[in-house]
């Protein structure tokens, strides 16, 4: 077994990838969406601003554009 994190999580990665492949076969996507990624970035930038002295930073809700389905 590898001593790095890849070796510890190899089964989890394999299961996750197999689930994604199956979701593409069935046309039912699973997991995080592009919108989820966008919102995670917004939150991360707010966290960095807070860390650099902005104090509490509000992460505002924003309507999901139709682009994201």
PDB file of N, CA and C in Angstrom:
ATOM      1  N   UNK A   1       0.850  -1.194   0.000  1.00  0.00           N
ATOM      2  CA  UNK A   1       0.000   0.000   0.000  1.00  0.00           C
ATOM      3  C   UNK A   1       0.890   1.249   0.000  1.00  0.00           C
ATOM      4  N   UNK A   2       0.521   2.212  -0.802  1.00  0.00           N
ATOM      5  CA  UNK A   2       1.293   3.445  -0.854  1.00  0.00           C
ATOM      6  C   UNK A   2       1.203   4.196   0.469  1.00  0.00           C
ATOM      7  N   UNK A   3       2.225   4.982   0.757  1.00  0.00           N
ATOM      8  CA  UNK A   3       2.228   5.737   2.009  1.00  0.00           C
ATOM      9  C   UNK A   3       1.611   7.121   1.858  1.00  0.00           C
ATOM     10  N   UNK A   4       1.299   7.522   0.606  1.00  0.00           N
ATOM     11  CA  UNK A   4       0.687   8.836   0.429  1.00  0.00           C
ATOM     12  C   UNK A   4      -0.844   8.711   0.450  1.00  0.00           C
ATOM     13  N   UNK A   5      -1.531   9.807   0.308  1.00  0.00           N
ATOM     14  CA  UNK A   5      -2.985   9.808   0.402  1.00  0.00           C
ATOM     15  C   UNK A   5      -3.654   9.024  -0.717  1.00  0.00           C
ATOM     16  N   UNK A   6      -3.025   8.929  -1.874  1.00  0.00           N
ATOM     17  CA  UNK A   6      -3.626   8.198  -2.991  1.00  0.00           C
ATOM     18  C   UNK A   6      -3.836   6.739  -2.602  1.00  0.00           C
ATOM     19  N   UNK A   7      -2.841   6.139  -2.002  1.00  0.00           N
ATOM     20  CA  UNK A   7      -2.957   4.752  -1.577  1.00  0.00           C
ATOM     21  C   UNK A   7      -4.049   4.538  -0.550  1.00  0.00           C
ATOM     22  N   UNK A   8      -4.217   5.488   0.338  1.00  0.00           N
ATOM     23  CA  UNK A   8      -5.239   5.355   1.376  1.00  0.00           C
ATOM     24  C   UNK A   8      -6.647   5.484   0.815  1.00  0.00           C
ATOM     25  N   UNK A   9      -6.803   6.233  -0.277  1.00  0.00           N
ATOM     26  CA  UNK A   9      -8.137   6.497  -0.796  1.00  0.00           C
ATOM     27  C   UNK A   9      -8.406   5.854  -2.148  1.00  0.00           C
ATOM     28  N   UNK A  10      -7.555   4.927  -2.572  1.00  0.00           N
ATOM     29  CA  UNK A  10      -7.691   4.353  -3.905  1.00  0.00           C
ATOM     30  C   UNK A  10      -9.063   3.702  -4.105  1.00  0.00           C
ATOM     31  N   UNK A  11      -9.561   2.992  -3.113  1.00  0.00           N
ATOM     32  CA  UNK A  11     -10.882   2.364  -3.255  1.00  0.00           C
ATOM     33  C   UNK A  11     -11.984   3.416  -3.364  1.00  0.00           C
ATOM     34  N   UNK A  12     -11.879   4.465  -2.575  1.00  0.00           N
ATOM     35  CA  UNK A  12     -12.891   5.528  -2.630  1.00  0.00           C
ATOM     36  C   UNK A  12     -12.884   6.202  -3.995  1.00  0.00           C
ATOM     37  N   UNK A  13     -11.694   6.467  -4.544  1.00  0.00           N
ATOM     38  CA  UNK A  13     -11.609   7.085  -5.871  1.00  0.00           C
ATOM     39  C   UNK A  13     -12.219   6.170  -6.932  1.00  0.00           C
ATOM     40  N   UNK A  14     -11.924   4.867  -6.843  1.00  0.00           N
ATOM     41  CA  UNK A  14     -12.446   3.906  -7.810  1.00  0.00           C
ATOM     42  C   UNK A  14     -13.976   3.852  -7.745  1.00  0.00           C
ATOM     43  N   UNK A  15     -14.525   3.812  -6.544  1.00  0.00           N
ATOM     44  CA  UNK A  15     -15.982   3.770  -6.369  1.00  0.00           C
ATOM     45  C   UNK A  15     -16.625   5.058  -6.874  1.00  0.00           C
ATOM     46  N   UNK A  16     -16.014   6.193  -6.560  1.00  0.00           N
ATOM     47  CA  UNK A  16     -16.546   7.475  -7.015  1.00  0.00           C
ATOM     48  C   UNK A  16     -16.546   7.562  -8.543  1.00  0.00           C
ATOM     49  N   UNK A  17     -15.467   7.161  -9.165  1.00  0.00           N
ATOM     50  CA  UNK A  17     -15.388   7.201 -10.626  1.00  0.00           C
ATOM     51  C   UNK A  17     -16.395   6.239 -11.256  1.00  0.00           C
ATOM     52  N   UNK A  18     -16.539   5.045 -10.695  1.00  0.00           N
ATOM     53  CA  UNK A  18     -17.515   4.085 -11.226  1.00  0.00           C
ATOM     54  C   UNK A  18     -18.932   4.633 -11.101  1.00  0.00           C
ATOM     55  N   UNK A  19     -19.237   5.306 -10.009  1.00  0.00           N
ATOM     56  CA  UNK A  19     -20.566   5.912  -9.838  1.00  0.00           C
ATOM     57  C   UNK A  19     -20.805   7.000 -10.867  1.00  0.00           C
ATOM     58  N   UNK A  20     -19.785   7.802 -11.127  1.00  0.00           N
ATOM     59  CA  UNK A  20     -19.921   8.866 -12.123  1.00  0.00           C
ATOM     60  C   UNK A  20     -20.143   8.276 -13.509  1.00  0.00           C
ATOM     61  N   UNK A  21     -19.372   7.247 -13.873  1.00  0.00           N
ATOM     62  CA  UNK A  21     -19.539   6.614 -15.182  1.00  0.00           C
ATOM     63  C   UNK A  21     -20.953   6.065 -15.317  1.00  0.00           C
ATOM     64  N   UNK A  22     -21.447   5.407 -14.293  1.00  0.00           N
ATOM     65  CA  UNK A  22     -22.812   4.869 -14.338  1.00  0.00           C
ATOM     66  C   UNK A  22     -23.836   5.986 -14.471  1.00  0.00           C
ATOM     67  N   UNK A  23     -23.615   7.100 -13.808  1.00  0.00           N
ATOM     68  CA  UNK A  23     -24.563   8.215 -13.910  1.00  0.00           C
ATOM     69  C   UNK A  23     -24.593   8.777 -15.329  1.00  0.00           C
ATOM     70  N   UNK A  24     -23.454   8.759 -16.006  1.00  0.00           N
ATOM     71  CA  UNK A  24     -23.429   9.229 -17.396  1.00  0.00           C
ATOM     72  C   UNK A  24     -24.155   8.251 -18.309  1.00  0.00           C
ATOM     73  N   UNK A  25     -24.033   6.961 -18.015  1.00  0.00           N
ATOM     74  CA  UNK A  25     -24.750   5.952 -18.813  1.00  0.00           C
ATOM     75  C   UNK A  25     -26.259   6.106 -18.684  1.00  0.00           C
ATOM     76  N   UNK A  26     -26.716   6.397 -17.470  1.00  0.00           N
ATOM     77  CA  UNK A  26     -28.160   6.487 -17.224  1.00  0.00           C
ATOM     78  C   UNK A  26     -28.723   7.876 -17.504  1.00  0.00           C
ATOM     79  N   UNK A  27     -27.844   8.861 -17.698  1.00  0.00           N
ATOM     80  CA  UNK A  27     -28.312  10.221 -17.935  1.00  0.00           C
ATOM     81  C   UNK A  27     -28.770  10.936 -16.675  1.00  0.00           C
ATOM     82  N   UNK A  28     -28.411  10.395 -15.520  1.00  0.00           N
ATOM     83  CA  UNK A  28     -28.771  10.999 -14.233  1.00  0.00           C
ATOM     84  C   UNK A  28     -27.497  11.428 -13.509  1.00  0.00           C
ATOM     85  N   UNK A  29     -26.994  12.647 -13.819  1.00  0.00           N
ATOM     86  CA  UNK A  29     -25.743  13.074 -13.185  1.00  0.00           C
ATOM     87  C   UNK A  29     -25.858  13.114 -11.666  1.00  0.00           C
ATOM     88  N   UNK A  30     -24.765  12.777 -11.008  1.00  0.00           N
ATOM     89  CA  UNK A  30     -24.715  12.795  -9.545  1.00  0.00           C
ATOM     90  C   UNK A  30     -23.550  13.666  -9.111  1.00  0.00           C
ATOM     91  N   UNK A  31     -23.527  13.996  -7.854  1.00  0.00           N
ATOM     92  CA  UNK A  31     -22.406  14.747  -7.305  1.00  0.00           C
ATOM     93  C   UNK A  31     -22.581  16.244  -7.455  1.00  0.00           C
ATOM     94  N   UNK A  32     -21.501  16.934  -7.201  1.00  0.00           N
ATOM     95  CA  UNK A  32     -21.518  18.392  -7.240  1.00  0.00           C
ATOM     96  C   UNK A  32     -21.659  18.898  -8.674  1.00  0.00           C
ATOM     97  N   UNK A  33     -22.319  20.034  -8.799  1.00  0.00           N
ATOM     98  CA  UNK A  33     -22.529  20.644 -10.111  1.00  0.00           C
ATOM     99  C   UNK A  33     -21.564  21.823 -10.292  1.00  0.00           C
ATOM    100  N   UNK A  34     -21.575  22.382 -11.479  1.00  0.00           N
ATOM    101  CA  UNK A  34     -20.770  23.582 -11.734  1.00  0.00           C
ATOM    102  C   UNK A  34     -21.227  24.719 -10.821  1.00  0.00           C
ATOM    103  N   UNK A  35     -22.533  24.792 -10.574  1.00  0.00           N
ATOM    104  CA  UNK A  35     -23.046  25.825  -9.677  1.00  0.00           C
ATOM    105  C   UNK A  35     -22.497  25.623  -8.270  1.00  0.00           C
ATOM    106  N   UNK A  36     -22.458  24.385  -7.808  1.00  0.00           N
ATOM    107  CA  UNK A  36     -21.875  24.096  -6.490  1.00  0.00           C
ATOM    108  C   UNK A  36     -20.421  24.561  -6.437  1.00  0.00           C
ATOM    109  N   UNK A  37     -19.680  24.330  -7.515  1.00  0.00           N
ATOM    110  CA  UNK A  37     -18.293  24.776  -7.579  1.00  0.00           C
ATOM    111  C   UNK A  37     -18.185  26.285  -7.526  1.00  0.00           C
ATOM    112  N   UNK A  38     -19.074  26.968  -8.237  1.00  0.00           N
ATOM    113  CA  UNK A  38     -19.074  28.435  -8.209  1.00  0.00           C
ATOM    114  C   UNK A  38     -19.322  28.943  -6.794  1.00  0.00           C
ATOM    115  N   UNK A  39     -20.328  28.367  -6.139  1.00  0.00           N
ATOM    116  CA  UNK A  39     -20.665  28.824  -4.783  1.00  0.00           C
ATOM    117  C   UNK A  39     -19.528  28.527  -3.804  1.00  0.00           C
ATOM    118  N   UNK A  40     -18.844  27.402  -3.990  1.00  0.00           N
ATOM    119  CA  UNK A  40     -17.699  27.073  -3.141  1.00  0.00           C
ATOM    120  C   UNK A  40     -16.595  28.101  -3.335  1.00  0.00           C
ATOM    121  N   UNK A  41     -16.375  28.539  -4.570  1.00  0.00           N
ATOM    122  CA  UNK A  41     -15.370  29.577  -4.832  1.00  0.00           C
ATOM    123  C   UNK A  41     -15.754  30.891  -4.185  1.00  0.00           C
ATOM    124  N   UNK A  42     -17.023  31.262  -4.273  1.00  0.00           N
ATOM    125  CA  UNK A  42     -17.485  32.501  -3.640  1.00  0.00           C
ATOM    126  C   UNK A  42     -17.215  32.439  -2.138  1.00  0.00           C
ATOM    127  N   UNK A  43     -17.539  31.309  -1.521  1.00  0.00           N
ATOM    128  CA  UNK A  43     -17.308  31.152  -0.082  1.00  0.00           C
ATOM    129  C   UNK A  43     -15.817  31.182   0.242  1.00  0.00           C
ATOM    130  N   UNK A  44     -15.005  30.546  -0.592  1.00  0.00           N
ATOM    131  CA  UNK A  44     -13.559  30.525  -0.345  1.00  0.00           C
ATOM    132  C   UNK A  44     -12.957  31.927  -0.439  1.00  0.00           C
ATOM    133  N   UNK A  45     -13.387  32.704  -1.434  1.00  0.00           N
ATOM    134  CA  UNK A  45     -12.881  34.076  -1.548  1.00  0.00           C
ATOM    135  C   UNK A  45     -13.306  34.916  -0.349  1.00  0.00           C
ATOM    136  N   UNK A  46     -14.526  34.694   0.151  1.00  0.00           N
ATOM    137  CA  UNK A  46     -14.974  35.410   1.346  1.00  0.00           C
ATOM    138  C   UNK A  46     -14.120  35.016   2.548  1.00  0.00           C
ATOM    139  N   UNK A  47     -13.774  33.750   2.642  1.00  0.00           N
ATOM    140  CA  UNK A  47     -12.935  33.288   3.746  1.00  0.00           C
ATOM    141  C   UNK A  47     -11.546  33.927   3.687  1.00  0.00           C
ATOM    142  N   UNK A  48     -10.983  34.026   2.494  1.00  0.00           N
ATOM    143  CA  UNK A  48      -9.667  34.658   2.337  1.00  0.00           C
ATOM    144  C   UNK A  48      -9.752  36.136   2.715  1.00  0.00           C
ATOM    145  N   UNK A  49     -10.813  36.820   2.270  1.00  0.00           N
ATOM    146  CA  UNK A  49     -10.989  38.224   2.642  1.00  0.00           C
ATOM    147  C   UNK A  49     -11.066  38.369   4.156  1.00  0.00           C
ATOM    148  N   UNK A  50     -11.816  37.476   4.799  1.00  0.00           N
ATOM    149  CA  UNK A  50     -11.945  37.514   6.244  1.00  0.00           C
ATOM    150  C   UNK A  50     -10.590  37.295   6.917  1.00  0.00           C
ATOM    151  N   UNK A  51      -9.853  36.324   6.413  1.00  0.00           N
ATOM    152  CA  UNK A  51      -8.536  36.012   6.963  1.00  0.00           C
ATOM    153  C   UNK A  51      -7.581  37.192   6.871  1.00  0.00           C
ATOM    154  N   UNK A  52      -7.717  37.970   5.812  1.00  0.00           N
ATOM    155  CA  UNK A  52      -6.819  39.106   5.589  1.00  0.00           C
ATOM    156  C   UNK A  52      -7.340  40.400   6.208  1.00  0.00           C
ATOM    157  N   UNK A  53      -8.197  40.269   7.208  1.00  0.00           N
ATOM    158  CA  UNK A  53      -8.576  41.426   7.994  1.00  0.00           C
ATOM    159  C   UNK A  53      -9.933  42.017   7.733  1.00  0.00           C
ATOM    160  N   UNK A  54     -10.715  41.429   6.875  1.00  0.00           N
ATOM    161  CA  UNK A  54     -12.036  41.994   6.592  1.00  0.00           C
ATOM    162  C   UNK A  54     -13.065  41.626   7.649  1.00  0.00           C
ATOM    163  N   UNK A  55     -12.686  40.808   8.620  1.00  0.00           N
ATOM    164  CA  UNK A  55     -13.638  40.392   9.645  1.00  0.00           C
ATOM    165  C   UNK A  55     -14.660  39.442   9.058  1.00  0.00           C
ATOM    166  N   UNK A  56     -15.864  39.520   9.582  1.00  0.00           N
ATOM    167  CA  UNK A  56     -16.925  38.649   9.086  1.00  0.00           C
ATOM    168  C   UNK A  56     -17.330  39.113   7.688  1.00  0.00           C
ATOM    169  N   UNK A  57     -17.348  38.204   6.737  1.00  0.00           N
ATOM    170  CA  UNK A  57     -17.708  38.514   5.354  1.00  0.00           C
ATOM    171  C   UNK A  57     -18.983  37.756   5.011  1.00  0.00           C
ATOM    172  N   UNK A  58     -19.987  38.485   4.613  1.00  0.00           N
ATOM    173  CA  UNK A  58     -21.261  37.883   4.243  1.00  0.00           C
ATOM    174  C   UNK A  58     -21.142  37.224   2.869  1.00  0.00           C
ATOM    175  N   UNK A  59     -21.578  35.983   2.787  1.00  0.00           N
ATOM    176  CA  UNK A  59     -21.657  35.283   1.501  1.00  0.00           C
ATOM    177  C   UNK A  59     -23.121  35.345   1.084  1.00  0.00           C
ATOM    178  N   UNK A  60     -23.381  36.213   0.153  1.00  0.00           N
ATOM    179  CA  UNK A  60     -24.762  36.448  -0.250  1.00  0.00           C
ATOM    180  C   UNK A  60     -25.294  35.319  -1.130  1.00  0.00           C
ATOM    181  N   UNK A  61     -26.572  35.048  -0.955  1.00  0.00           N
ATOM    182  CA  UNK A  61     -27.232  34.121  -1.868  1.00  0.00           C
ATOM    183  C   UNK A  61     -27.415  34.830  -3.188  1.00  0.00           C
ATOM    184  N   UNK A  62     -27.329  34.086  -4.246  1.00  0.00           N
ATOM    185  CA  UNK A  62     -27.566  34.655  -5.556  1.00  0.00           C
ATOM    186  C   UNK A  62     -28.428  33.677  -6.346  1.00  0.00           C
ATOM    187  N   UNK A  63     -29.288  34.192  -7.177  1.00  0.00           N
ATOM    188  CA  UNK A  63     -30.132  33.289  -7.947  1.00  0.00           C
ATOM    189  C   UNK A  63     -29.300  32.456  -8.912  1.00  0.00           C
ATOM    190  N   UNK A  64     -29.694  31.214  -9.063  1.00  0.00           N
ATOM    191  CA  UNK A  64     -28.985  30.319  -9.974  1.00  0.00           C
ATOM    192  C   UNK A  64     -29.383  30.653 -11.412  1.00  0.00           C
ATOM    193  N   UNK A  65     -28.428  31.063 -12.236  1.00  0.00           N
ATOM    194  CA  UNK A  65     -28.743  31.366 -13.637  1.00  0.00           C
ATOM    195  C   UNK A  65     -29.192  30.113 -14.383  1.00  0.00           C
ATOM    196  N   UNK A  66     -29.997  30.287 -15.392  1.00  0.00           N
ATOM    197  CA  UNK A  66     -30.519  29.148 -16.135  1.00  0.00           C
ATOM    198  C   UNK A  66     -29.399  28.330 -16.788  1.00  0.00           C
ATOM    199  N   UNK A  67     -28.252  28.942 -17.004  1.00  0.00           N
ATOM    200  CA  UNK A  67     -27.099  28.244 -17.563  1.00  0.00           C
ATOM    201  C   UNK A  67     -26.772  27.001 -16.746  1.00  0.00           C
ATOM    202  N   UNK A  68     -26.988  27.069 -15.441  1.00  0.00           N
ATOM    203  CA  UNK A  68     -26.641  25.963 -14.546  1.00  0.00           C
ATOM    204  C   UNK A  68     -27.758  24.963 -14.366  1.00  0.00           C
ATOM    205  N   UNK A  69     -28.871  25.153 -15.058  1.00  0.00           N
ATOM    206  CA  UNK A  69     -29.972  24.190 -15.026  1.00  0.00           C
ATOM    207  C   UNK A  69     -30.656  24.101 -13.766  1.00  0.00           C
TER     208      UNK A  69
END
